[in-house]
């Protein structure tokens, strides 16, 4: 069972794959240690955290304005420059 969670490495479709692998690991862990074990709870917590990260990434994409999208593509344009005063 993998008990570490590195969301920075799991982005996009890799995040989907990480969720599927975490679910498989959680099921295996619970079968081996029992559904009331601490290891089983930790394994399902990892699944939950990965799913939450996927949800947060999805929400962040939806909240972008057209200016945000433009600035992502053209960060050096005048409209996108931010000045500290």
PDB file of N, CA and C in Angstrom:
ATOM      1  N   UNK A   1       0.837  -1.180   0.000  1.00  0.00           N
ATOM      2  CA  UNK A   1       0.000   0.000   0.000  1.00  0.00           C
ATOM      3  C   UNK A   1       0.880   1.241   0.000  1.00  0.00           C
ATOM      4  N   UNK A   2       0.507   2.212  -0.792  1.00  0.00           N
ATOM      5  CA  UNK A   2       1.206   3.484  -0.836  1.00  0.00           C
ATOM      6  C   UNK A   2       0.501   4.442   0.106  1.00  0.00           C
ATOM      7  N   UNK A   3       1.222   4.971   1.102  1.00  0.00           N
ATOM      8  CA  UNK A   3       0.593   5.874   2.061  1.00  0.00           C
ATOM      9  C   UNK A   3       0.981   7.317   1.845  1.00  0.00           C
ATOM     10  N   UNK A   4       1.788   7.576   0.836  1.00  0.00           N
ATOM     11  CA  UNK A   4       2.163   8.956   0.552  1.00  0.00           C
ATOM     12  C   UNK A   4       1.285   9.483  -0.571  1.00  0.00           C
ATOM     13  N   UNK A   5       1.083  10.784  -0.556  1.00  0.00           N
ATOM     14  CA  UNK A   5       0.221  11.421  -1.536  1.00  0.00           C
ATOM     15  C   UNK A   5       0.978  12.579  -2.142  1.00  0.00           C
ATOM     16  N   UNK A   6       1.276  12.489  -3.424  1.00  0.00           N
ATOM     17  CA  UNK A   6       1.970  13.557  -4.110  1.00  0.00           C
ATOM     18  C   UNK A   6       1.108  14.023  -5.272  1.00  0.00           C
ATOM     19  N   UNK A   7       0.297  15.042  -5.011  1.00  0.00           N
ATOM     20  CA  UNK A   7      -0.646  15.524  -6.000  1.00  0.00           C
ATOM     21  C   UNK A   7       0.057  16.309  -7.097  1.00  0.00           C
ATOM     22  N   UNK A   8       1.202  16.916  -6.804  1.00  0.00           N
ATOM     23  CA  UNK A   8       1.904  17.697  -7.817  1.00  0.00           C
ATOM     24  C   UNK A   8       2.342  16.829  -8.986  1.00  0.00           C
ATOM     25  N   UNK A   9       2.654  15.566  -8.722  1.00  0.00           N
ATOM     26  CA  UNK A   9       3.055  14.683  -9.798  1.00  0.00           C
ATOM     27  C   UNK A   9       1.852  14.166 -10.570  1.00  0.00           C
ATOM     28  N   UNK A  10       0.684  14.170  -9.944  1.00  0.00           N
ATOM     29  CA  UNK A  10      -0.513  13.627 -10.571  1.00  0.00           C
ATOM     30  C   UNK A  10      -1.384  14.766 -11.072  1.00  0.00           C
ATOM     31  N   UNK A  11      -1.237  15.114 -12.339  1.00  0.00           N
ATOM     32  CA  UNK A  11      -2.023  16.202 -12.908  1.00  0.00           C
ATOM     33  C   UNK A  11      -2.775  15.686 -14.126  1.00  0.00           C
ATOM     34  N   UNK A  12      -3.972  16.243 -14.355  1.00  0.00           N
ATOM     35  CA  UNK A  12      -4.751  15.879 -15.535  1.00  0.00           C
ATOM     36  C   UNK A  12      -5.125  14.421 -15.551  1.00  0.00           C
ATOM     37  N   UNK A  13      -4.804  13.753 -16.659  1.00  0.00           N
ATOM     38  CA  UNK A  13      -5.155  12.343 -16.774  1.00  0.00           C
ATOM     39  C   UNK A  13      -4.343  11.492 -15.809  1.00  0.00           C
ATOM     40  N   UNK A  14      -3.159  11.966 -15.428  1.00  0.00           N
ATOM     41  CA  UNK A  14      -2.383  11.245 -14.424  1.00  0.00           C
ATOM     42  C   UNK A  14      -3.120  11.220 -13.092  1.00  0.00           C
ATOM     43  N   UNK A  15      -3.876  12.262 -12.807  1.00  0.00           N
ATOM     44  CA  UNK A  15      -4.667  12.315 -11.587  1.00  0.00           C
ATOM     45  C   UNK A  15      -5.769  11.266 -11.632  1.00  0.00           C
ATOM     46  N   UNK A  16      -6.396  11.120 -12.776  1.00  0.00           N
ATOM     47  CA  UNK A  16      -7.421  10.084 -12.946  1.00  0.00           C
ATOM     48  C   UNK A  16      -6.814   8.702 -12.707  1.00  0.00           C
ATOM     49  N   UNK A  17      -5.641   8.472 -13.258  1.00  0.00           N
ATOM     50  CA  UNK A  17      -4.967   7.184 -13.086  1.00  0.00           C
ATOM     51  C   UNK A  17      -4.583   6.976 -11.632  1.00  0.00           C
ATOM     52  N   UNK A  18      -4.127   8.035 -10.974  1.00  0.00           N
ATOM     53  CA  UNK A  18      -3.756   7.929  -9.561  1.00  0.00           C
ATOM     54  C   UNK A  18      -4.966   7.587  -8.705  1.00  0.00           C
ATOM     55  N   UNK A  19      -6.132   8.139  -9.052  1.00  0.00           N
ATOM     56  CA  UNK A  19      -7.353   7.823  -8.307  1.00  0.00           C
ATOM     57  C   UNK A  19      -7.701   6.346  -8.467  1.00  0.00           C
ATOM     58  N   UNK A  20      -7.644   5.863  -9.695  1.00  0.00           N
ATOM     59  CA  UNK A  20      -7.953   4.451  -9.940  1.00  0.00           C
ATOM     60  C   UNK A  20      -6.985   3.520  -9.197  1.00  0.00           C
ATOM     61  N   UNK A  21      -5.703   3.877  -9.223  1.00  0.00           N
ATOM     62  CA  UNK A  21      -4.707   3.063  -8.511  1.00  0.00           C
ATOM     63  C   UNK A  21      -4.928   3.117  -7.005  1.00  0.00           C
ATOM     64  N   UNK A  22      -5.295   4.291  -6.487  1.00  0.00           N
ATOM     65  CA  UNK A  22      -5.539   4.434  -5.053  1.00  0.00           C
ATOM     66  C   UNK A  22      -6.760   3.626  -4.623  1.00  0.00           C
ATOM     67  N   UNK A  23      -7.781   3.577  -5.473  1.00  0.00           N
ATOM     68  CA  UNK A  23      -8.965   2.776  -5.159  1.00  0.00           C
ATOM     69  C   UNK A  23      -8.602   1.300  -5.116  1.00  0.00           C
ATOM     70  N   UNK A  24      -7.821   0.858  -6.084  1.00  0.00           N
ATOM     71  CA  UNK A  24      -7.374  -0.541  -6.105  1.00  0.00           C
ATOM     72  C   UNK A  24      -6.545  -0.862  -4.862  1.00  0.00           C
ATOM     73  N   UNK A  25      -5.611   0.041  -4.510  1.00  0.00           N
ATOM     74  CA  UNK A  25      -4.788  -0.150  -3.312  1.00  0.00           C
ATOM     75  C   UNK A  25      -5.652  -0.185  -2.052  1.00  0.00           C
ATOM     76  N   UNK A  26      -6.660   0.688  -1.991  1.00  0.00           N
ATOM     77  CA  UNK A  26      -7.525   0.743  -0.813  1.00  0.00           C
ATOM     78  C   UNK A  26      -8.315  -0.549  -0.665  1.00  0.00           C
ATOM     79  N   UNK A  27      -8.847  -1.046  -1.754  1.00  0.00           N
ATOM     80  CA  UNK A  27      -9.601  -2.310  -1.699  1.00  0.00           C
ATOM     81  C   UNK A  27      -8.711  -3.462  -1.254  1.00  0.00           C
ATOM     82  N   UNK A  28      -7.502  -3.518  -1.799  1.00  0.00           N
ATOM     83  CA  UNK A  28      -6.563  -4.579  -1.426  1.00  0.00           C
ATOM     84  C   UNK A  28      -6.180  -4.467   0.041  1.00  0.00           C
ATOM     85  N   UNK A  29      -5.890  -3.262   0.488  1.00  0.00           N
ATOM     86  CA  UNK A  29      -5.513  -3.033   1.880  1.00  0.00           C
ATOM     87  C   UNK A  29      -6.639  -3.432   2.825  1.00  0.00           C
ATOM     88  N   UNK A  30      -7.861  -3.073   2.482  1.00  0.00           N
ATOM     89  CA  UNK A  30      -8.996  -3.411   3.338  1.00  0.00           C
ATOM     90  C   UNK A  30      -9.263  -4.915   3.349  1.00  0.00           C
ATOM     91  N   UNK A  31      -9.046  -5.569   2.218  1.00  0.00           N
ATOM     92  CA  UNK A  31      -9.204  -7.024   2.175  1.00  0.00           C
ATOM     93  C   UNK A  31      -8.165  -7.719   3.053  1.00  0.00           C
ATOM     94  N   UNK A  32      -6.934  -7.205   3.037  1.00  0.00           N
ATOM     95  CA  UNK A  32      -5.856  -7.833   3.808  1.00  0.00           C
ATOM     96  C   UNK A  32      -5.928  -7.516   5.297  1.00  0.00           C
ATOM     97  N   UNK A  33      -6.255  -6.282   5.639  1.00  0.00           N
ATOM     98  CA  UNK A  33      -6.188  -5.835   7.033  1.00  0.00           C
ATOM     99  C   UNK A  33      -7.543  -5.719   7.721  1.00  0.00           C
ATOM    100  N   UNK A  34      -8.612  -5.869   6.978  1.00  0.00           N
ATOM    101  CA  UNK A  34      -9.941  -5.710   7.547  1.00  0.00           C
ATOM    102  C   UNK A  34     -10.472  -4.312   7.312  1.00  0.00           C
ATOM    103  N   UNK A  35     -11.789  -4.217   7.200  1.00  0.00           N
ATOM    104  CA  UNK A  35     -12.390  -2.924   6.863  1.00  0.00           C
ATOM    105  C   UNK A  35     -12.383  -1.937   8.023  1.00  0.00           C
ATOM    106  N   UNK A  36     -12.095  -2.386   9.223  1.00  0.00           N
ATOM    107  CA  UNK A  36     -12.046  -1.494  10.385  1.00  0.00           C
ATOM    108  C   UNK A  36     -10.619  -1.125  10.792  1.00  0.00           C
ATOM    109  N   UNK A  37      -9.641  -1.514   9.994  1.00  0.00           N
ATOM    110  CA  UNK A  37      -8.247  -1.251  10.351  1.00  0.00           C
ATOM    111  C   UNK A  37      -7.854   0.188  10.042  1.00  0.00           C
ATOM    112  N   UNK A  38      -6.808   0.638  10.701  1.00  0.00           N
ATOM    113  CA  UNK A  38      -6.289   1.993  10.468  1.00  0.00           C
ATOM    114  C   UNK A  38      -5.726   2.111   9.053  1.00  0.00           C
ATOM    115  N   UNK A  39      -5.085   1.069   8.573  1.00  0.00           N
ATOM    116  CA  UNK A  39      -4.522   1.109   7.212  1.00  0.00           C
ATOM    117  C   UNK A  39      -5.617   1.258   6.164  1.00  0.00           C
ATOM    118  N   UNK A  40      -6.742   0.610   6.387  1.00  0.00           N
ATOM    119  CA  UNK A  40      -7.873   0.733   5.464  1.00  0.00           C
ATOM    120  C   UNK A  40      -8.389   2.172   5.451  1.00  0.00           C
ATOM    121  N   UNK A  41      -8.505   2.770   6.619  1.00  0.00           N
ATOM    122  CA  UNK A  41      -8.983   4.153   6.716  1.00  0.00           C
ATOM    123  C   UNK A  41      -8.020   5.107   6.016  1.00  0.00           C
ATOM    124  N   UNK A  42      -6.734   4.900   6.203  1.00  0.00           N
ATOM    125  CA  UNK A  42      -5.723   5.750   5.557  1.00  0.00           C
ATOM    126  C   UNK A  42      -5.800   5.603   4.040  1.00  0.00           C
ATOM    127  N   UNK A  43      -5.971   4.390   3.569  1.00  0.00           N
ATOM    128  CA  UNK A  43      -6.039   4.151   2.127  1.00  0.00           C
ATOM    129  C   UNK A  43      -7.234   4.876   1.511  1.00  0.00           C
ATOM    130  N   UNK A  44      -8.375   4.839   2.181  1.00  0.00           N
ATOM    131  CA  UNK A  44      -9.558   5.529   1.650  1.00  0.00           C
ATOM    132  C   UNK A  44      -9.435   7.039   1.813  1.00  0.00           C
ATOM    133  N   UNK A  45      -8.706   7.503   2.817  1.00  0.00           N
ATOM    134  CA  UNK A  45      -8.437   8.944   2.949  1.00  0.00           C
ATOM    135  C   UNK A  45      -7.626   9.449   1.758  1.00  0.00           C
ATOM    136  N   UNK A  46      -6.679   8.644   1.301  1.00  0.00           N
ATOM    137  CA  UNK A  46      -5.873   9.007   0.140  1.00  0.00           C
ATOM    138  C   UNK A  46      -6.757   9.126  -1.095  1.00  0.00           C
ATOM    139  N   UNK A  47      -7.682   8.178  -1.261  1.00  0.00           N
ATOM    140  CA  UNK A  47      -8.622   8.238  -2.384  1.00  0.00           C
ATOM    141  C   UNK A  47      -9.440   9.527  -2.311  1.00  0.00           C
ATOM    142  N   UNK A  48      -9.927   9.829  -1.123  1.00  0.00           N
ATOM    143  CA  UNK A  48     -10.739  11.036  -0.932  1.00  0.00           C
ATOM    144  C   UNK A  48      -9.963  12.307  -1.257  1.00  0.00           C
ATOM    145  N   UNK A  49      -8.708  12.370  -0.828  1.00  0.00           N
ATOM    146  CA  UNK A  49      -7.874  13.551  -1.108  1.00  0.00           C
ATOM    147  C   UNK A  49      -7.620  13.716  -2.601  1.00  0.00           C
ATOM    148  N   UNK A  50      -7.371  12.628  -3.293  1.00  0.00           N
ATOM    149  CA  UNK A  50      -7.160  12.701  -4.738  1.00  0.00           C
ATOM    150  C   UNK A  50      -8.423  13.171  -5.457  1.00  0.00           C
ATOM    151  N   UNK A  51      -9.568  12.657  -5.033  1.00  0.00           N
ATOM    152  CA  UNK A  51     -10.826  13.078  -5.648  1.00  0.00           C
ATOM    153  C   UNK A  51     -11.111  14.553  -5.362  1.00  0.00           C
ATOM    154  N   UNK A  52     -10.772  15.007  -4.168  1.00  0.00           N
ATOM    155  CA  UNK A  52     -10.959  16.415  -3.827  1.00  0.00           C
ATOM    156  C   UNK A  52     -10.064  17.299  -4.688  1.00  0.00           C
ATOM    157  N   UNK A  53      -8.835  16.885  -4.913  1.00  0.00           N
ATOM    158  CA  UNK A  53      -7.923  17.654  -5.765  1.00  0.00           C
ATOM    159  C   UNK A  53      -8.447  17.734  -7.193  1.00  0.00           C
ATOM    160  N   UNK A  54      -8.992  16.629  -7.691  1.00  0.00           N
ATOM    161  CA  UNK A  54      -9.570  16.631  -9.037  1.00  0.00           C
ATOM    162  C   UNK A  54     -10.728  17.627  -9.100  1.00  0.00           C
ATOM    163  N   UNK A  55     -11.553  17.655  -8.085  1.00  0.00           N
ATOM    164  CA  UNK A  55     -12.679  18.577  -8.032  1.00  0.00           C
ATOM    165  C   UNK A  55     -12.211  20.031  -7.987  1.00  0.00           C
ATOM    166  N   UNK A  56     -11.168  20.296  -7.188  1.00  0.00           N
ATOM    167  CA  UNK A  56     -10.629  21.654  -7.090  1.00  0.00           C
ATOM    168  C   UNK A  56     -10.055  22.122  -8.423  1.00  0.00           C
ATOM    169  N   UNK A  57      -9.365  21.238  -9.110  1.00  0.00           N
ATOM    170  CA  UNK A  57      -8.807  21.598 -10.416  1.00  0.00           C
ATOM    171  C   UNK A  57      -9.920  21.881 -11.418  1.00  0.00           C
ATOM    172  N   UNK A  58     -10.983  21.103 -11.360  1.00  0.00           N
ATOM    173  CA  UNK A  58     -12.112  21.305 -12.262  1.00  0.00           C
ATOM    174  C   UNK A  58     -12.787  22.648 -11.993  1.00  0.00           C
ATOM    175  N   UNK A  59     -12.955  22.995 -10.723  1.00  0.00           N
ATOM    176  CA  UNK A  59     -13.565  24.277 -10.368  1.00  0.00           C
ATOM    177  C   UNK A  59     -12.679  25.448 -10.786  1.00  0.00           C
ATOM    178  N   UNK A  60     -11.382  25.293 -10.644  1.00  0.00           N
ATOM    179  CA  UNK A  60     -10.461  26.375 -11.020  1.00  0.00           C
ATOM    180  C   UNK A  60     -10.540  26.654 -12.514  1.00  0.00           C
ATOM    181  N   UNK A  61     -10.708  25.624 -13.316  1.00  0.00           N
ATOM    182  CA  UNK A  61     -10.832  25.812 -14.760  1.00  0.00           C
ATOM    183  C   UNK A  61     -12.124  26.542 -15.103  1.00  0.00           C
ATOM    184  N   UNK A  62     -13.201  26.240 -14.391  1.00  0.00           N
ATOM    185  CA  UNK A  62     -14.490  26.842 -14.696  1.00  0.00           C
ATOM    186  C   UNK A  62     -14.565  28.298 -14.269  1.00  0.00           C
ATOM    187  N   UNK A  63     -13.807  28.713 -13.283  1.00  0.00           N
ATOM    188  CA  UNK A  63     -13.887  30.066 -12.762  1.00  0.00           C
ATOM    189  C   UNK A  63     -13.049  31.074 -13.536  1.00  0.00           C
ATOM    190  N   UNK A  64     -12.347  30.651 -14.566  1.00  0.00           N
ATOM    191  CA  UNK A  64     -11.506  31.560 -15.321  1.00  0.00           C
ATOM    192  C   UNK A  64     -12.346  32.419 -16.257  1.00  0.00           C
ATOM    193  N   UNK A  65     -11.986  33.688 -16.320  1.00  0.00           N
ATOM    194  CA  UNK A  65     -12.629  34.604 -17.257  1.00  0.00           C
ATOM    195  C   UNK A  65     -11.921  34.527 -18.606  1.00  0.00           C
ATOM    196  N   UNK A  66     -12.478  35.191 -19.591  1.00  0.00           N
ATOM    197  CA  UNK A  66     -11.835  35.205 -20.899  1.00  0.00           C
ATOM    198  C   UNK A  66     -10.484  35.920 -20.832  1.00  0.00           C
ATOM    199  N   UNK A  67     -10.370  36.933 -19.955  1.00  0.00           N
ATOM    200  CA  UNK A  67      -9.082  37.607 -19.775  1.00  0.00           C
ATOM    201  C   UNK A  67      -8.064  36.646 -19.161  1.00  0.00           C
ATOM    202  N   UNK A  68      -8.498  35.850 -18.179  1.00  0.00           N
ATOM    203  CA  UNK A  68      -7.595  34.862 -17.583  1.00  0.00           C
ATOM    204  C   UNK A  68      -7.088  33.885 -18.639  1.00  0.00           C
ATOM    205  N   UNK A  69      -7.987  33.405 -19.470  1.00  0.00           N
ATOM    206  CA  UNK A  69      -7.592  32.476 -20.534  1.00  0.00           C
ATOM    207  C   UNK A  69      -6.623  33.136 -21.506  1.00  0.00           C
ATOM    208  N   UNK A  70      -6.896  34.396 -21.853  1.00  0.00           N
ATOM    209  CA  UNK A  70      -6.006  35.134 -22.753  1.00  0.00           C
ATOM    210  C   UNK A  70      -4.620  35.288 -22.131  1.00  0.00           C
ATOM    211  N   UNK A  71      -4.584  35.643 -20.857  1.00  0.00           N
ATOM    212  CA  UNK A  71      -3.300  35.851 -20.173  1.00  0.00           C
ATOM    213  C   UNK A  71      -2.520  34.548 -20.009  1.00  0.00           C
ATOM    214  N   UNK A  72      -3.229  33.432 -19.894  1.00  0.00           N
ATOM    215  CA  UNK A  72      -2.546  32.144 -19.855  1.00  0.00           C
ATOM    216  C   UNK A  72      -1.813  31.876 -21.166  1.00  0.00           C
ATOM    217  N   UNK A  73      -2.424  32.284 -22.267  1.00  0.00           N
ATOM    218  CA  UNK A  73      -1.815  32.065 -23.588  1.00  0.00           C
ATOM    219  C   UNK A  73      -0.777  33.133 -23.932  1.00  0.00           C
ATOM    220  N   UNK A  74      -0.975  34.371 -23.418  1.00  0.00           N
ATOM    221  CA  UNK A  74      -0.101  35.497 -23.755  1.00  0.00           C
ATOM    222  C   UNK A  74       0.302  36.249 -22.484  1.00  0.00           C
ATOM    223  N   UNK A  75       1.141  35.660 -21.652  1.00  0.00           N
ATOM    224  CA  UNK A  75       1.454  36.279 -20.357  1.00  0.00           C
ATOM    225  C   UNK A  75       2.217  37.601 -20.452  1.00  0.00           C
ATOM    226  N   UNK A  76       2.877  37.877 -21.565  1.00  0.00           N
ATOM    227  CA  UNK A  76       3.665  39.102 -21.686  1.00  0.00           C
ATOM    228  C   UNK A  76       2.903  40.254 -22.332  1.00  0.00           C
ATOM    229  N   UNK A  77       1.646  40.068 -22.674  1.00  0.00           N
ATOM    230  CA  UNK A  77       0.894  41.145 -23.286  1.00  0.00           C
ATOM    231  C   UNK A  77       0.601  42.239 -22.270  1.00  0.00           C
ATOM    232  N   UNK A  78       0.355  43.443 -22.747  1.00  0.00           N
ATOM    233  CA  UNK A  78       0.161  44.612 -21.887  1.00  0.00           C
ATOM    234  C   UNK A  78      -1.009  44.409 -20.932  1.00  0.00           C
ATOM    235  N   UNK A  79      -2.074  43.794 -21.413  1.00  0.00           N
ATOM    236  CA  UNK A  79      -3.268  43.600 -20.597  1.00  0.00           C
ATOM    237  C   UNK A  79      -3.021  42.698 -19.388  1.00  0.00           C
ATOM    238  N   UNK A  80      -1.993  41.880 -19.469  1.00  0.00           N
ATOM    239  CA  UNK A  80      -1.744  40.872 -18.435  1.00  0.00           C
ATOM    240  C   UNK A  80      -0.636  41.228 -17.459  1.00  0.00           C
ATOM    241  N   UNK A  81       0.069  42.314 -17.697  1.00  0.00           N
ATOM    242  CA  UNK A  81       1.165  42.707 -16.825  1.00  0.00           C
ATOM    243  C   UNK A  81       0.630  43.241 -15.511  1.00  0.00           C
ATOM    244  N   UNK A  82       1.280  42.873 -14.423  1.00  0.00           N
ATOM    245  CA  UNK A  82       0.893  43.333 -13.097  1.00  0.00           C
ATOM    246  C   UNK A  82       2.076  44.098 -12.522  1.00  0.00           C
ATOM    247  N   UNK A  83       1.803  45.303 -12.053  1.00  0.00           N
ATOM    248  CA  UNK A  83       2.859  46.159 -11.522  1.00  0.00           C
ATOM    249  C   UNK A  83       2.706  46.305 -10.021  1.00  0.00           C
ATOM    250  N   UNK A  84       3.805  46.212  -9.282  1.00  0.00           N
ATOM    251  CA  UNK A  84       3.828  46.500  -7.859  1.00  0.00           C
ATOM    252  C   UNK A  84       4.115  47.996  -7.694  1.00  0.00           C
ATOM    253  N   UNK A  85       3.349  48.639  -6.855  1.00  0.00           N
ATOM    254  CA  UNK A  85       3.519  50.076  -6.691  1.00  0.00           C
ATOM    255  C   UNK A  85       4.200  50.377  -5.384  1.00  0.00           C
TER     256      UNK A  85
END
